[in-house]
Amino acid sequence: MKNILVPTDFSENSWNAIKYALNFYKNISCNFYILHVTMVSSYTGGEFPLVPTTDVVEKTFLKQAKASLKKLLKKINTIAPNPKHHFYTLSSYNFFIDAIKSQVEEKEIDIIVMGTKGASGLNEVIVGSNTGDVILKVKCPVLIVPEDTVYRVPKEIAFPTDYNIFYQPKILNSITEIAKMHKSYIRILHIAKKNEIATPFQIENKEFLNNFFKDEKHSFHRVTNNKIENGVQCFVESRDIDIIIMVAKNLNLFQRILFKPTVQEISYHTEIPFLVLHE
């Protein structure tokens, strides 16, 4: 049984993430924990911070959240009844990251699924602060679902790597699990600069990946581009990629692909889900 945490603020953006998760794990037995966090920071601040009493929190903030969660649960059961899926609602008055960490530990969460809203201006970075904080501060796999994502079976997986990091089998097994689940192709992608020559360590790591994925449908791809994010964009478009999987351990590659791009430069952030894995 897989335990999945889905934070919601009851927006269309978070609803899209829920729908994606239900489809992605359609054939898997899952416990879905739908969490709404009424954030402490929303009600504190200024010279004299407002700190509500426990009674006020229960009667005002959490009561309203629980009513909205009940309505959301009814909506889920109406549009996507699935005997393999079990749902539990959670409401918390806390700092957002603290609430997420607490539930990940308490419910033994296997993966967090979060929606992310596209930026309103061309120069704004797309990954929002809450999503970015979860990715960087919570050591749990995170599936990021952009607001414009329309679910389709992830037949094409892009796995960007520069071959400079050795990935533990546990991490690679997570990729294999998804490939088996959806009968996907794993496209291992290296964005290289012009005339770049692979080091012996990179060659060794590439061979290791080839051996590890020998029983899966996989292939290796090299795209020449000085900007990693633009190389990923070209590859996503040319291969019709359905999901991008990255490992947070490779901070340079990870930051460039996930956090640096703006709307002006790339569009994969607004359409293609990201799965971020942690060692």
C-alpha atoms as a PDB file:
ATOM      1  CA  MET A   1       0.000   0.000   0.000  1.00  0.00           C
ATOM      2  CA  LYS A   2       1.467   3.349  -1.076  1.00  0.00           C
ATOM      3  CA  ASN A   3       0.955   6.366   1.212  1.00  0.00           C
ATOM      4  CA  ILE A   4       0.496   9.613  -0.711  1.00  0.00           C
ATOM      5  CA  LEU A   5       0.280  13.113   0.770  1.00  0.00           C
ATOM      6  CA  VAL A   6      -1.528  15.766  -1.282  1.00  0.00           C
ATOM      7  CA  PRO A   7      -1.527  19.302   0.181  1.00  0.00           C
ATOM      8  CA  THR A   8      -4.470  21.408  -0.985  1.00  0.00           C
ATOM      9  CA  ASP A   9      -5.520  25.037  -0.724  1.00  0.00           C
ATOM     10  CA  PHE A  10      -8.794  24.221  -2.552  1.00  0.00           C
ATOM     11  CA  SER A  11      -7.651  26.025  -5.716  1.00  0.00           C
ATOM     12  CA  GLU A  12      -8.048  24.734  -9.283  1.00  0.00           C
ATOM     13  CA  ASN A  13      -4.299  24.306  -9.280  1.00  0.00           C
ATOM     14  CA  SER A  14      -4.331  21.881  -6.330  1.00  0.00           C
ATOM     15  CA  TRP A  15      -7.432  20.124  -7.705  1.00  0.00           C
ATOM     16  CA  ASN A  16      -5.506  19.426 -10.913  1.00  0.00           C
ATOM     17  CA  ALA A  17      -2.732  17.822  -8.836  1.00  0.00           C
ATOM     18  CA  ILE A  18      -5.274  15.567  -7.116  1.00  0.00           C
ATOM     19  CA  LYS A  19      -6.752  14.480 -10.454  1.00  0.00           C
ATOM     20  CA  TYR A  20      -3.284  13.743 -11.804  1.00  0.00           C
ATOM     21  CA  ALA A  21      -2.377  11.647  -8.756  1.00  0.00           C
ATOM     22  CA  LEU A  22      -5.601   9.631  -9.007  1.00  0.00           C
ATOM     23  CA  ASN A  23      -4.837   8.790 -12.638  1.00  0.00           C
ATOM     24  CA  PHE A  24      -1.118   8.235 -12.131  1.00  0.00           C
ATOM     25  CA  TYR A  25      -1.775   5.643  -9.406  1.00  0.00           C
ATOM     26  CA  LYS A  26      -5.023   4.333 -10.878  1.00  0.00           C
ATOM     27  CA  ASN A  27      -3.931   0.694 -10.745  1.00  0.00           C
ATOM     28  CA  ILE A  28      -2.047   0.894  -7.438  1.00  0.00           C
ATOM     29  CA  SER A  29      -3.468   0.402  -3.941  1.00  0.00           C
ATOM     30  CA  CYS A  30      -3.012   3.732  -2.167  1.00  0.00           C
ATOM     31  CA  ASN A  31      -3.852   5.696   0.948  1.00  0.00           C
ATOM     32  CA  PHE A  32      -4.365   9.336  -0.055  1.00  0.00           C
ATOM     33  CA  TYR A  33      -3.927  11.878   2.735  1.00  0.00           C
ATOM     34  CA  ILE A  34      -5.467  15.184   1.639  1.00  0.00           C
ATOM     35  CA  LEU A  35      -3.953  17.930   3.793  1.00  0.00           C
ATOM     36  CA  HIS A  36      -4.993  21.552   4.219  1.00  0.00           C
ATOM     37  CA  VAL A  37      -2.640  23.768   6.197  1.00  0.00           C
ATOM     38  CA  THR A  38      -3.927  27.016   7.675  1.00  0.00           C
ATOM     39  CA  MET A  39      -0.585  28.710   7.898  1.00  0.00           C
ATOM     40  CA  VAL A  40       0.505  30.401  11.113  1.00  0.00           C
ATOM     41  CA  SER A  41       2.293  33.092   9.117  1.00  0.00           C
ATOM     42  CA  SER A  42      -1.060  34.183   7.665  1.00  0.00           C
ATOM     43  CA  TYR A  43      -2.233  35.338  11.059  1.00  0.00           C
ATOM     44  CA  THR A  44       0.968  36.605  12.684  1.00  0.00           C
ATOM     45  CA  GLY A  45       3.324  39.411  11.910  1.00  0.00           C
ATOM     46  CA  GLY A  46       3.567  43.129  12.423  1.00  0.00           C
ATOM     47  CA  GLU A  47       4.486  44.834  15.643  1.00  0.00           C
ATOM     48  CA  PHE A  48       1.861  42.957  17.652  1.00  0.00           C
ATOM     49  CA  PRO A  49       1.407  39.484  16.127  1.00  0.00           C
ATOM     50  CA  LEU A  50      -2.006  37.886  16.492  1.00  0.00           C
ATOM     51  CA  VAL A  51      -1.743  34.470  18.126  1.00  0.00           C
ATOM     52  CA  PRO A  52      -5.202  32.848  18.199  1.00  0.00           C
ATOM     53  CA  THR A  53      -6.202  30.678  21.134  1.00  0.00           C
ATOM     54  CA  THR A  54      -6.652  26.946  20.633  1.00  0.00           C
ATOM     55  CA  ASP A  55     -10.405  27.432  20.909  1.00  0.00           C
ATOM     56  CA  VAL A  56     -10.427  30.073  18.164  1.00  0.00           C
ATOM     57  CA  VAL A  57      -8.261  27.903  15.930  1.00  0.00           C
ATOM     58  CA  GLU A  58     -10.606  24.925  16.332  1.00  0.00           C
ATOM     59  CA  LYS A  59     -13.845  26.862  15.953  1.00  0.00           C
ATOM     60  CA  THR A  60     -12.791  29.197  13.172  1.00  0.00           C
ATOM     61  CA  PHE A  61      -9.870  28.075  11.032  1.00  0.00           C
ATOM     62  CA  LEU A  62      -9.997  24.291  11.350  1.00  0.00           C
ATOM     63  CA  LYS A  63     -13.801  24.074  11.289  1.00  0.00           C
ATOM     64  CA  GLN A  64     -13.876  25.870   7.950  1.00  0.00           C
ATOM     65  CA  ALA A  65     -11.015  23.725   6.613  1.00  0.00           C
ATOM     66  CA  LYS A  66     -12.711  20.496   7.679  1.00  0.00           C
ATOM     67  CA  ALA A  67     -15.945  21.525   5.924  1.00  0.00           C
ATOM     68  CA  SER A  68     -14.038  22.300   2.713  1.00  0.00           C
ATOM     69  CA  LEU A  69     -12.132  18.995   2.939  1.00  0.00           C
ATOM     70  CA  LYS A  70     -15.398  17.091   3.345  1.00  0.00           C
ATOM     71  CA  LYS A  71     -16.751  18.784   0.220  1.00  0.00           C
ATOM     72  CA  LEU A  72     -13.548  17.998  -1.665  1.00  0.00           C
ATOM     73  CA  LEU A  73     -13.689  14.336  -0.640  1.00  0.00           C
ATOM     74  CA  LYS A  74     -17.239  14.083  -1.959  1.00  0.00           C
ATOM     75  CA  LYS A  75     -16.087  15.573  -5.266  1.00  0.00           C
ATOM     76  CA  ILE A  76     -13.248  13.024  -5.519  1.00  0.00           C
ATOM     77  CA  ASN A  77     -15.543  10.075  -4.822  1.00  0.00           C
ATOM     78  CA  THR A  78     -18.055  11.350  -7.383  1.00  0.00           C
ATOM     79  CA  ILE A  79     -15.660  11.734 -10.313  1.00  0.00           C
ATOM     80  CA  ALA A  80     -13.088   9.024  -9.580  1.00  0.00           C
ATOM     81  CA  PRO A  81     -14.424   6.125  -7.511  1.00  0.00           C
ATOM     82  CA  ASN A  82     -11.695   3.496  -7.221  1.00  0.00           C
ATOM     83  CA  PRO A  83     -11.768   0.511  -4.821  1.00  0.00           C
ATOM     84  CA  LYS A  84      -7.952   0.586  -4.700  1.00  0.00           C
ATOM     85  CA  HIS A  85      -7.920   4.119  -3.302  1.00  0.00           C
ATOM     86  CA  HIS A  86      -8.618   5.110   0.299  1.00  0.00           C
ATOM     87  CA  PHE A  87      -8.890   8.741   1.377  1.00  0.00           C
ATOM     88  CA  TYR A  88      -8.203  10.533   4.641  1.00  0.00           C
ATOM     89  CA  THR A  89      -8.509  14.266   5.275  1.00  0.00           C
ATOM     90  CA  LEU A  90      -6.131  16.218   7.483  1.00  0.00           C
ATOM     91  CA  SER A  91      -6.281  19.825   8.661  1.00  0.00           C
ATOM     92  CA  SER A  92      -3.486  21.637  10.454  1.00  0.00           C
ATOM     93  CA  TYR A  93      -2.803  25.093  11.879  1.00  0.00           C
ATOM     94  CA  ASN A  94       0.959  25.331  11.575  1.00  0.00           C
ATOM     95  CA  PHE A  95       3.889  26.593   9.552  1.00  0.00           C
ATOM     96  CA  PHE A  96       3.568  24.953   6.138  1.00  0.00           C
ATOM     97  CA  ILE A  97       6.842  23.013   6.077  1.00  0.00           C
ATOM     98  CA  ASP A  98       6.453  21.901   9.700  1.00  0.00           C
ATOM     99  CA  ALA A  99       2.986  20.538   8.883  1.00  0.00           C
ATOM    100  CA  ILE A 100       4.312  18.645   5.846  1.00  0.00           C
ATOM    101  CA  LYS A 101       7.274  17.178   7.743  1.00  0.00           C
ATOM    102  CA  SER A 102       5.015  16.081  10.583  1.00  0.00           C
ATOM    103  CA  GLN A 103       2.624  14.207   8.297  1.00  0.00           C
ATOM    104  CA  VAL A 104       5.427  12.640   6.238  1.00  0.00           C
ATOM    105  CA  GLU A 105       6.848  11.128   9.411  1.00  0.00           C
ATOM    106  CA  GLU A 106       3.581  10.238  11.131  1.00  0.00           C
ATOM    107  CA  LYS A 107       1.854   8.677   8.100  1.00  0.00           C
ATOM    108  CA  GLU A 108       5.045   7.153   6.619  1.00  0.00           C
ATOM    109  CA  ILE A 109       4.461   9.012   3.369  1.00  0.00           C
ATOM    110  CA  ASP A 110       6.038   7.562   0.210  1.00  0.00           C
ATOM    111  CA  ILE A 111       5.450  10.577  -2.035  1.00  0.00           C
ATOM    112  CA  ILE A 112       4.063  14.121  -1.909  1.00  0.00           C
ATOM    113  CA  VAL A 113       1.979  15.360  -4.847  1.00  0.00           C
ATOM    114  CA  MET A 114       1.745  19.151  -5.232  1.00  0.00           C
ATOM    115  CA  GLY A 115       0.255  21.495  -7.766  1.00  0.00           C
ATOM    116  CA  THR A 116       2.231  24.532  -8.842  1.00  0.00           C
ATOM    117  CA  LYS A 117       0.807  27.683 -10.385  1.00  0.00           C
ATOM    118  CA  GLY A 118       2.345  29.294 -13.440  1.00  0.00           C
ATOM    119  CA  ALA A 119       3.964  32.691 -13.008  1.00  0.00           C
ATOM    120  CA  SER A 120       1.979  35.774 -13.972  1.00  0.00           C
ATOM    121  CA  GLY A 121       4.915  37.679 -15.459  1.00  0.00           C
ATOM    122  CA  LEU A 122       7.476  36.637 -18.058  1.00  0.00           C
ATOM    123  CA  ASN A 123      10.449  37.109 -15.759  1.00  0.00           C
ATOM    124  CA  GLU A 124       9.028  35.293 -12.756  1.00  0.00           C
ATOM    125  CA  VAL A 125      10.399  31.930 -11.763  1.00  0.00           C
ATOM    126  CA  ILE A 126       7.645  29.346 -12.042  1.00  0.00           C
ATOM    127  CA  VAL A 127       8.129  27.053  -9.053  1.00  0.00           C
ATOM    128  CA  GLY A 128       6.320  28.735  -6.157  1.00  0.00           C
ATOM    129  CA  SER A 129       7.764  29.257  -2.697  1.00  0.00           C
ATOM    130  CA  ASN A 130       5.743  26.528  -0.955  1.00  0.00           C
ATOM    131  CA  THR A 131       6.570  23.943  -3.606  1.00  0.00           C
ATOM    132  CA  GLY A 132      10.206  25.014  -3.668  1.00  0.00           C
ATOM    133  CA  ASP A 133      10.456  24.792   0.114  1.00  0.00           C
ATOM    134  CA  VAL A 134       8.989  21.278   0.145  1.00  0.00           C
ATOM    135  CA  ILE A 135      11.421  20.111  -2.542  1.00  0.00           C
ATOM    136  CA  LEU A 136      14.446  21.526  -0.729  1.00  0.00           C
ATOM    137  CA  LYS A 137      13.520  20.997   2.921  1.00  0.00           C
ATOM    138  CA  VAL A 138      11.505  17.755   3.055  1.00  0.00           C
ATOM    139  CA  LYS A 139      13.412  14.540   2.335  1.00  0.00           C
ATOM    140  CA  CYS A 140      10.580  12.813   0.526  1.00  0.00           C
ATOM    141  CA  PRO A 141       9.891  12.307  -3.201  1.00  0.00           C
ATOM    142  CA  VAL A 142       7.772  15.132  -4.614  1.00  0.00           C
ATOM    143  CA  LEU A 143       5.628  14.946  -7.755  1.00  0.00           C
ATOM    144  CA  ILE A 144       5.078  18.498  -9.030  1.00  0.00           C
ATOM    145  CA  VAL A 145       2.017  18.984 -11.245  1.00  0.00           C
ATOM    146  CA  PRO A 146       1.867  22.301 -13.173  1.00  0.00           C
ATOM    147  CA  GLU A 147      -1.542  23.933 -13.463  1.00  0.00           C
ATOM    148  CA  ASP A 148      -1.716  23.368 -17.255  1.00  0.00           C
ATOM    149  CA  THR A 149      -0.921  19.646 -17.051  1.00  0.00           C
ATOM    150  CA  VAL A 150      -3.490  17.376 -18.667  1.00  0.00           C
ATOM    151  CA  TYR A 151      -3.001  13.775 -17.585  1.00  0.00           C
ATOM    152  CA  ARG A 152      -1.738  11.298 -20.109  1.00  0.00           C
ATOM    153  CA  VAL A 153      -0.103   7.958 -19.412  1.00  0.00           C
ATOM    154  CA  PRO A 154       3.607   8.713 -18.885  1.00  0.00           C
ATOM    155  CA  LYS A 155       5.013   6.585 -21.676  1.00  0.00           C
ATOM    156  CA  GLU A 156       8.068   8.817 -22.135  1.00  0.00           C
ATOM    157  CA  ILE A 157      10.228   9.577 -19.083  1.00  0.00           C
ATOM    158  CA  ALA A 158      13.102  12.055 -19.316  1.00  0.00           C
ATOM    159  CA  PHE A 159      15.899  11.509 -16.799  1.00  0.00           C
ATOM    160  CA  PRO A 160      18.434  14.375 -17.105  1.00  0.00           C
ATOM    161  CA  THR A 161      21.905  13.687 -15.750  1.00  0.00           C
ATOM    162  CA  ASP A 162      25.423  15.013 -16.282  1.00  0.00           C
ATOM    163  CA  TYR A 163      26.919  11.639 -15.216  1.00  0.00           C
ATOM    164  CA  ASN A 164      28.881  13.440 -12.487  1.00  0.00           C
ATOM    165  CA  ILE A 165      26.858  11.897  -9.653  1.00  0.00           C
ATOM    166  CA  PHE A 166      26.690   8.221  -8.765  1.00  0.00           C
ATOM    167  CA  TYR A 167      23.060   7.310  -8.089  1.00  0.00           C
ATOM    168  CA  GLN A 168      22.290   4.734  -5.440  1.00  0.00           C
ATOM    169  CA  PRO A 169      20.231   1.714  -6.589  1.00  0.00           C
ATOM    170  CA  LYS A 170      17.395   2.789  -4.252  1.00  0.00           C
ATOM    171  CA  ILE A 171      16.940   5.983  -6.279  1.00  0.00           C
ATOM    172  CA  LEU A 172      17.122   4.203  -9.607  1.00  0.00           C
ATOM    173  CA  ASN A 173      14.640   1.593  -8.378  1.00  0.00           C
ATOM    174  CA  SER A 174      12.113   4.416  -7.956  1.00  0.00           C
ATOM    175  CA  ILE A 175      12.475   5.217 -11.652  1.00  0.00           C
ATOM    176  CA  THR A 176      12.215   1.541 -12.581  1.00  0.00           C
ATOM    177  CA  GLU A 177       9.044   1.217 -10.494  1.00  0.00           C
ATOM    178  CA  ILE A 178       7.329   3.990 -12.455  1.00  0.00           C
ATOM    179  CA  ALA A 179       8.558   2.608 -15.784  1.00  0.00           C
ATOM    180  CA  LYS A 180       7.102  -0.798 -14.953  1.00  0.00           C
ATOM    181  CA  MET A 181       3.861   0.747 -13.665  1.00  0.00           C
ATOM    182  CA  HIS A 182       3.174   2.551 -16.940  1.00  0.00           C
ATOM    183  CA  LYS A 183       5.289   0.498 -19.385  1.00  0.00           C
ATOM    184  CA  SER A 184       7.348   3.612 -20.012  1.00  0.00           C
ATOM    185  CA  TYR A 185      10.536   4.333 -21.925  1.00  0.00           C
ATOM    186  CA  ILE A 186      13.351   5.850 -19.866  1.00  0.00           C
ATOM    187  CA  ARG A 187      15.191   8.507 -21.876  1.00  0.00           C
ATOM    188  CA  ILE A 188      18.493   9.310 -20.152  1.00  0.00           C
ATOM    189  CA  LEU A 189      19.439  12.838 -21.166  1.00  0.00           C
ATOM    190  CA  HIS A 190      22.791  14.613 -21.064  1.00  0.00           C
ATOM    191  CA  ILE A 191      22.920  18.323 -21.962  1.00  0.00           C
ATOM    192  CA  ALA A 192      26.491  19.020 -23.087  1.00  0.00           C
ATOM    193  CA  LYS A 193      28.363  22.055 -24.282  1.00  0.00           C
ATOM    194  CA  LYS A 194      29.875  22.035 -27.750  1.00  0.00           C
ATOM    195  CA  ASN A 195      33.099  19.968 -27.948  1.00  0.00           C
ATOM    196  CA  GLU A 196      32.631  18.747 -24.366  1.00  0.00           C
ATOM    197  CA  ILE A 197      34.511  15.491 -23.745  1.00  0.00           C
ATOM    198  CA  ALA A 198      33.287  12.966 -21.198  1.00  0.00           C
ATOM    199  CA  THR A 199      35.581  12.154 -18.274  1.00  0.00           C
ATOM    200  CA  PRO A 200      36.389   8.538 -17.304  1.00  0.00           C
ATOM    201  CA  PHE A 201      34.073   8.938 -14.275  1.00  0.00           C
ATOM    202  CA  GLN A 202      31.197  10.075 -16.497  1.00  0.00           C
ATOM    203  CA  ILE A 203      31.782   7.166 -18.880  1.00  0.00           C
ATOM    204  CA  GLU A 204      31.780   4.733 -15.966  1.00  0.00           C
ATOM    205  CA  ASN A 205      28.521   6.166 -14.572  1.00  0.00           C
ATOM    206  CA  LYS A 206      26.852   5.990 -17.971  1.00  0.00           C
ATOM    207  CA  GLU A 207      27.815   2.326 -18.252  1.00  0.00           C
ATOM    208  CA  PHE A 208      26.462   1.684 -14.758  1.00  0.00           C
ATOM    209  CA  LEU A 209      23.098   3.209 -15.734  1.00  0.00           C
ATOM    210  CA  ASN A 210      23.036   1.124 -18.908  1.00  0.00           C
ATOM    211  CA  ASN A 211      23.553  -2.054 -16.878  1.00  0.00           C
ATOM    212  CA  PHE A 212      21.077  -1.052 -14.193  1.00  0.00           C
ATOM    213  CA  PHE A 213      18.285  -0.377 -16.678  1.00  0.00           C
ATOM    214  CA  LYS A 214      19.142  -3.335 -18.911  1.00  0.00           C
ATOM    215  CA  ASP A 215      15.741  -4.963 -18.320  1.00  0.00           C
ATOM    216  CA  GLU A 216      13.824  -1.731 -18.995  1.00  0.00           C
ATOM    217  CA  LYS A 217      13.154   0.084 -22.244  1.00  0.00           C
ATOM    218  CA  HIS A 218      15.752   2.841 -22.161  1.00  0.00           C
ATOM    219  CA  SER A 219      18.004   4.924 -24.364  1.00  0.00           C
ATOM    220  CA  PHE A 220      20.745   7.534 -24.037  1.00  0.00           C
ATOM    221  CA  HIS A 221      20.557  11.003 -25.571  1.00  0.00           C
ATOM    222  CA  ARG A 222      22.996  13.876 -25.854  1.00  0.00           C
ATOM    223  CA  VAL A 223      21.793  17.392 -26.654  1.00  0.00           C
ATOM    224  CA  THR A 224      24.334  20.130 -27.333  1.00  0.00           C
ATOM    225  CA  ASN A 225      23.336  23.444 -25.789  1.00  0.00           C
ATOM    226  CA  ASN A 226      25.130  25.988 -23.612  1.00  0.00           C
ATOM    227  CA  LYS A 227      21.979  26.439 -21.501  1.00  0.00           C
ATOM    228  CA  ILE A 228      20.818  23.288 -19.742  1.00  0.00           C
ATOM    229  CA  GLU A 229      17.222  24.499 -19.448  1.00  0.00           C
ATOM    230  CA  ASN A 230      17.027  25.218 -23.193  1.00  0.00           C
ATOM    231  CA  GLY A 231      18.470  21.797 -23.983  1.00  0.00           C
ATOM    232  CA  VAL A 232      15.801  20.168 -21.816  1.00  0.00           C
ATOM    233  CA  GLN A 233      13.136  22.234 -23.598  1.00  0.00           C
ATOM    234  CA  CYS A 234      14.327  21.028 -27.012  1.00  0.00           C
ATOM    235  CA  PHE A 235      14.373  17.419 -25.864  1.00  0.00           C
ATOM    236  CA  VAL A 236      10.928  17.596 -24.242  1.00  0.00           C
ATOM    237  CA  GLU A 237       9.460  18.928 -27.480  1.00  0.00           C
ATOM    238  CA  SER A 238      11.269  16.543 -29.810  1.00  0.00           C
ATOM    239  CA  ARG A 239      10.494  13.390 -27.808  1.00  0.00           C
ATOM    240  CA  ASP A 240       7.011  14.384 -26.592  1.00  0.00           C
ATOM    241  CA  ILE A 241       8.082  13.758 -22.983  1.00  0.00           C
ATOM    242  CA  ASP A 242       5.337  13.019 -20.434  1.00  0.00           C
ATOM    243  CA  ILE A 243       7.268  13.389 -17.159  1.00  0.00           C
ATOM    244  CA  ILE A 244      10.726  14.559 -16.057  1.00  0.00           C
ATOM    245  CA  ILE A 245      12.451  12.753 -13.188  1.00  0.00           C
ATOM    246  CA  MET A 246      15.318  14.379 -11.326  1.00  0.00           C
ATOM    247  CA  VAL A 247      17.468  13.619  -8.288  1.00  0.00           C
ATOM    248  CA  ALA A 248      17.846  16.463  -5.794  1.00  0.00           C
ATOM    249  CA  LYS A 249      21.382  15.288  -4.956  1.00  0.00           C
ATOM    250  CA  ASN A 250      22.704  16.742  -8.206  1.00  0.00           C
ATOM    251  CA  LEU A 251      22.235  20.334  -7.048  1.00  0.00           C
ATOM    252  CA  ASN A 252      23.812  22.095 -10.021  1.00  0.00           C
ATOM    253  CA  LEU A 253      21.694  20.304 -12.613  1.00  0.00           C
ATOM    254  CA  PHE A 254      18.663  20.308 -10.343  1.00  0.00           C
ATOM    255  CA  GLN A 255      18.739  24.067  -9.689  1.00  0.00           C
ATOM    256  CA  ARG A 256      19.324  24.911 -13.344  1.00  0.00           C
ATOM    257  CA  ILE A 257      16.416  22.847 -14.642  1.00  0.00           C
ATOM    258  CA  LEU A 258      13.882  23.330 -11.877  1.00  0.00           C
ATOM    259  CA  PHE A 259      14.496  26.762 -10.385  1.00  0.00           C
ATOM    260  CA  LYS A 260      16.412  28.963 -12.831  1.00  0.00           C
ATOM    261  CA  PRO A 261      14.181  28.994 -15.925  1.00  0.00           C
ATOM    262  CA  THR A 262      11.571  31.715 -16.462  1.00  0.00           C
ATOM    263  CA  VAL A 263       8.460  31.667 -18.587  1.00  0.00           C
ATOM    264  CA  GLN A 264      10.275  33.667 -21.214  1.00  0.00           C
ATOM    265  CA  GLU A 265      12.880  30.942 -21.727  1.00  0.00           C
ATOM    266  CA  ILE A 266      10.979  27.684 -21.438  1.00  0.00           C
ATOM    267  CA  SER A 267       7.481  26.201 -21.302  1.00  0.00           C
ATOM    268  CA  TYR A 268       8.040  22.686 -19.942  1.00  0.00           C
ATOM    269  CA  HIS A 269       7.372  23.997 -16.422  1.00  0.00           C
ATOM    270  CA  THR A 270       3.785  24.868 -17.308  1.00  0.00           C
ATOM    271  CA  GLU A 271       2.857  21.504 -18.818  1.00  0.00           C
ATOM    272  CA  ILE A 272       5.190  18.655 -17.835  1.00  0.00           C
ATOM    273  CA  PRO A 273       5.098  17.092 -14.348  1.00  0.00           C
ATOM    274  CA  PHE A 274       8.365  16.781 -12.411  1.00  0.00           C
ATOM    275  CA  LEU A 275       9.214  13.981 -10.025  1.00  0.00           C
ATOM    276  CA  VAL A 276      12.003  14.955  -7.627  1.00  0.00           C
ATOM    277  CA  LEU A 277      13.715  12.072  -5.819  1.00  0.00           C
ATOM    278  CA  HIS A 278      15.791  12.306  -2.635  1.00  0.00           C
ATOM    279  CA  GLU A 279      18.462   9.925  -1.421  1.00  0.00           C
END
